[in-house]
């Protein structure tokens, strides 16, 4: 059992962290329990943070999807995987992934594939295709989309 003053201090620190950057409830739960708080007390702190709108999982998913797609150029498979690791609900994840503009998504996939094709040293066509496929799959793009547009990239 943690003292109220310690619990309030931890709540204040977590609120400050959430004010600086978007956090999900699972990340904060891990930080709070690592500080030596029991599970029940951690839930109390998280509930207070949610009530104060410091933590909002929907807002977190929206920011995560936007950042990872726009900045890191990740595909939907990789984004979904990392959000599932954070224990976020599938319907919330799917809603935000559906919000990605399909034309923009295809444009990013094609640019990623073309950039990789340029960097591949002179190799036979099928080896080059294999490298492009592996690279874009590691970036989290769907195999069916990769194969659909592979012909446009490899002449």
Protein backbone atom coordinates (compact mmCIF):
# COMPACT_ATOMS: atom_id res chain seq x y z
CA UNK A 1 0.00 0.00 0.00
CA UNK A 2 1.42 3.31 -1.08
CA UNK A 3 1.04 6.52 0.93
CA UNK A 4 -1.44 9.05 -0.45
CA UNK A 5 1.28 11.69 -0.86
CA UNK A 6 3.41 9.26 -2.91
CA UNK A 7 0.38 8.26 -4.98
CA UNK A 8 -0.48 11.92 -5.62
CA UNK A 9 3.12 12.65 -6.61
CA UNK A 10 3.11 9.69 -9.02
CA UNK A 11 -0.24 10.88 -10.44
CA UNK A 12 1.24 14.36 -10.94
CA UNK A 13 4.32 12.94 -12.69
CA UNK A 14 2.21 10.75 -14.99
CA UNK A 15 -0.09 13.70 -15.77
CA UNK A 16 2.96 15.77 -16.70
CA UNK A 17 4.23 12.95 -18.92
CA UNK A 18 0.85 12.66 -20.65
CA UNK A 19 0.79 16.43 -21.15
CA UNK A 20 4.14 16.31 -22.97
CA UNK A 21 3.36 13.39 -25.26
CA UNK A 22 0.45 11.16 -26.17
CA UNK A 23 0.40 7.99 -24.03
CA UNK A 24 -1.90 4.97 -23.94
CA UNK A 25 -3.25 3.45 -20.76
CA UNK A 26 -1.04 0.34 -21.08
CA UNK A 27 2.18 2.40 -21.25
CA UNK A 28 1.19 4.40 -18.17
CA UNK A 29 0.12 1.24 -16.35
CA UNK A 30 3.58 -0.27 -16.94
CA UNK A 31 5.31 2.90 -15.70
CA UNK A 32 3.12 3.13 -12.59
CA UNK A 33 3.53 -0.53 -11.62
CA UNK A 34 7.29 -0.26 -12.23
CA UNK A 35 7.28 2.51 -9.62
CA UNK A 36 6.09 -0.04 -7.05
CA UNK A 37 2.34 0.58 -7.10
CA UNK A 38 -0.06 -2.35 -6.76
CA UNK A 39 -2.39 -3.19 -9.63
CA UNK A 40 -5.46 -1.78 -7.90
CA UNK A 41 -3.74 1.50 -7.05
CA UNK A 42 -2.37 1.72 -10.60
CA UNK A 43 -5.92 1.36 -11.93
CA UNK A 44 -7.01 4.22 -9.64
CA UNK A 45 -4.25 6.48 -10.95
CA UNK A 46 -5.09 5.60 -14.56
CA UNK A 47 -8.80 6.20 -13.98
CA UNK A 48 -7.99 9.67 -12.60
CA UNK A 49 -5.80 10.37 -15.64
CA UNK A 50 -8.56 9.23 -18.00
CA UNK A 51 -11.13 11.35 -16.14
CA UNK A 52 -8.82 14.35 -16.46
CA UNK A 53 -8.43 13.58 -20.20
CA UNK A 54 -4.68 13.12 -19.82
CA UNK A 55 -5.05 9.61 -21.26
CA UNK A 56 -7.32 8.99 -24.21
CA UNK A 57 -6.67 5.75 -26.09
CA UNK A 58 -8.64 6.90 -29.14
CA UNK A 59 -6.54 10.06 -29.39
CA UNK A 60 -3.38 7.96 -28.90
CA UNK A 61 -4.29 5.55 -31.72
CA UNK A 62 -5.08 8.46 -34.06
CA UNK A 63 -1.72 10.11 -33.31
CA UNK A 64 0.21 6.81 -33.55
CA UNK A 65 -1.32 5.83 -36.90
CA UNK A 66 -0.76 9.32 -38.32
CA UNK A 67 2.84 9.56 -37.17
CA UNK A 68 3.92 6.06 -38.15
CA UNK A 69 2.35 6.35 -41.60
CA UNK A 70 3.31 9.95 -42.37
CA UNK A 71 6.77 10.07 -40.78
CA UNK A 72 8.04 6.48 -40.67
CA UNK A 73 6.22 5.34 -43.86
CA UNK A 74 4.92 2.18 -42.17
CA UNK A 75 2.21 0.01 -43.69
CA UNK A 76 -1.03 -0.99 -41.99
CA UNK A 77 0.20 -4.46 -40.95
CA UNK A 78 3.10 -3.08 -38.90
CA UNK A 79 1.02 -0.28 -37.38
CA UNK A 80 -1.70 -2.76 -36.33
CA UNK A 81 0.92 -5.09 -34.82
CA UNK A 82 2.45 -2.41 -32.60
CA UNK A 83 -0.93 -1.11 -31.47
CA UNK A 84 -2.07 -4.66 -30.60
CA UNK A 85 1.11 -5.04 -28.51
CA UNK A 86 -0.08 -2.05 -26.49
CA UNK A 87 -3.33 -3.88 -25.72
CA UNK A 88 -5.57 -1.50 -27.64
CA UNK A 89 -8.96 -2.70 -28.96
CA UNK A 90 -9.16 -3.93 -32.56
CA UNK A 91 -12.20 -1.79 -33.45
CA UNK A 92 -10.33 1.38 -32.44
CA UNK A 93 -7.28 0.33 -34.46
CA UNK A 94 -9.34 -0.63 -37.52
CA UNK A 95 -11.27 2.66 -37.45
CA UNK A 96 -8.04 4.68 -37.67
CA UNK A 97 -6.42 2.40 -40.25
CA UNK A 98 -9.53 2.76 -42.43
CA UNK A 99 -9.04 6.52 -42.16
CA UNK A 100 -5.77 6.38 -44.12
CA UNK A 101 -6.30 7.75 -47.61
CA UNK A 102 -5.98 4.84 -50.07
CA UNK A 103 -4.43 6.94 -52.84
CA UNK A 104 -1.82 8.32 -50.44
CA UNK A 105 -1.18 4.79 -49.07
CA UNK A 106 -0.59 3.44 -52.60
CA UNK A 107 1.66 6.42 -53.36
CA UNK A 108 3.81 5.73 -50.26
CA UNK A 109 4.00 2.01 -51.12
CA UNK A 110 5.09 2.73 -54.70
CA UNK A 111 7.69 5.30 -53.61
CA UNK A 112 9.07 2.83 -51.02
CA UNK A 113 9.30 0.11 -53.65
CA UNK A 114 10.93 2.40 -56.24
CA UNK A 115 13.47 3.71 -53.73
CA UNK A 116 14.39 0.15 -52.79
CA UNK A 117 14.65 -0.86 -56.45
CA UNK A 118 17.14 1.98 -57.05
CA UNK A 119 19.29 0.88 -54.11
CA UNK A 120 19.47 -2.77 -55.17
CA UNK A 121 22.77 -3.55 -56.90
CA UNK A 122 22.67 -5.11 -60.33
CA UNK A 123 21.07 -8.47 -59.75
CA UNK A 124 18.81 -10.78 -61.70
CA UNK A 125 15.19 -9.62 -61.93
CA UNK A 126 13.83 -12.24 -59.51
CA UNK A 127 16.43 -11.55 -56.84
CA UNK A 128 15.66 -7.86 -57.12
CA UNK A 129 11.93 -8.58 -56.82
CA UNK A 130 12.58 -10.73 -53.75
CA UNK A 131 14.52 -7.93 -52.04
CA UNK A 132 11.79 -5.40 -52.80
CA UNK A 133 9.07 -7.75 -51.51
CA UNK A 134 10.94 -8.49 -48.26
CA UNK A 135 11.75 -4.81 -47.68
CA UNK A 136 8.17 -3.60 -48.17
CA UNK A 137 6.74 -6.45 -46.09
CA UNK A 138 9.13 -5.50 -43.27
CA UNK A 139 7.75 -1.97 -43.56
CA UNK A 140 4.31 -3.45 -42.91
CA UNK A 141 2.66 -3.33 -46.31
CA UNK A 142 0.20 -6.04 -47.31
CA UNK A 143 1.62 -8.79 -49.57
CA UNK A 144 -1.32 -8.60 -52.00
CA UNK A 145 -0.71 -4.86 -52.56
CA UNK A 146 3.02 -5.39 -52.96
CA UNK A 147 2.49 -8.04 -55.63
CA UNK A 148 -0.17 -5.93 -57.36
CA UNK A 149 2.23 -3.00 -57.86
CA UNK A 150 5.50 -4.89 -58.21
CA UNK A 151 5.19 -4.92 -62.01
CA UNK A 152 5.12 -1.10 -62.09
CA UNK A 153 8.41 -0.95 -60.20
CA UNK A 154 10.39 -3.76 -61.83
CA UNK A 155 10.57 -3.49 -65.61
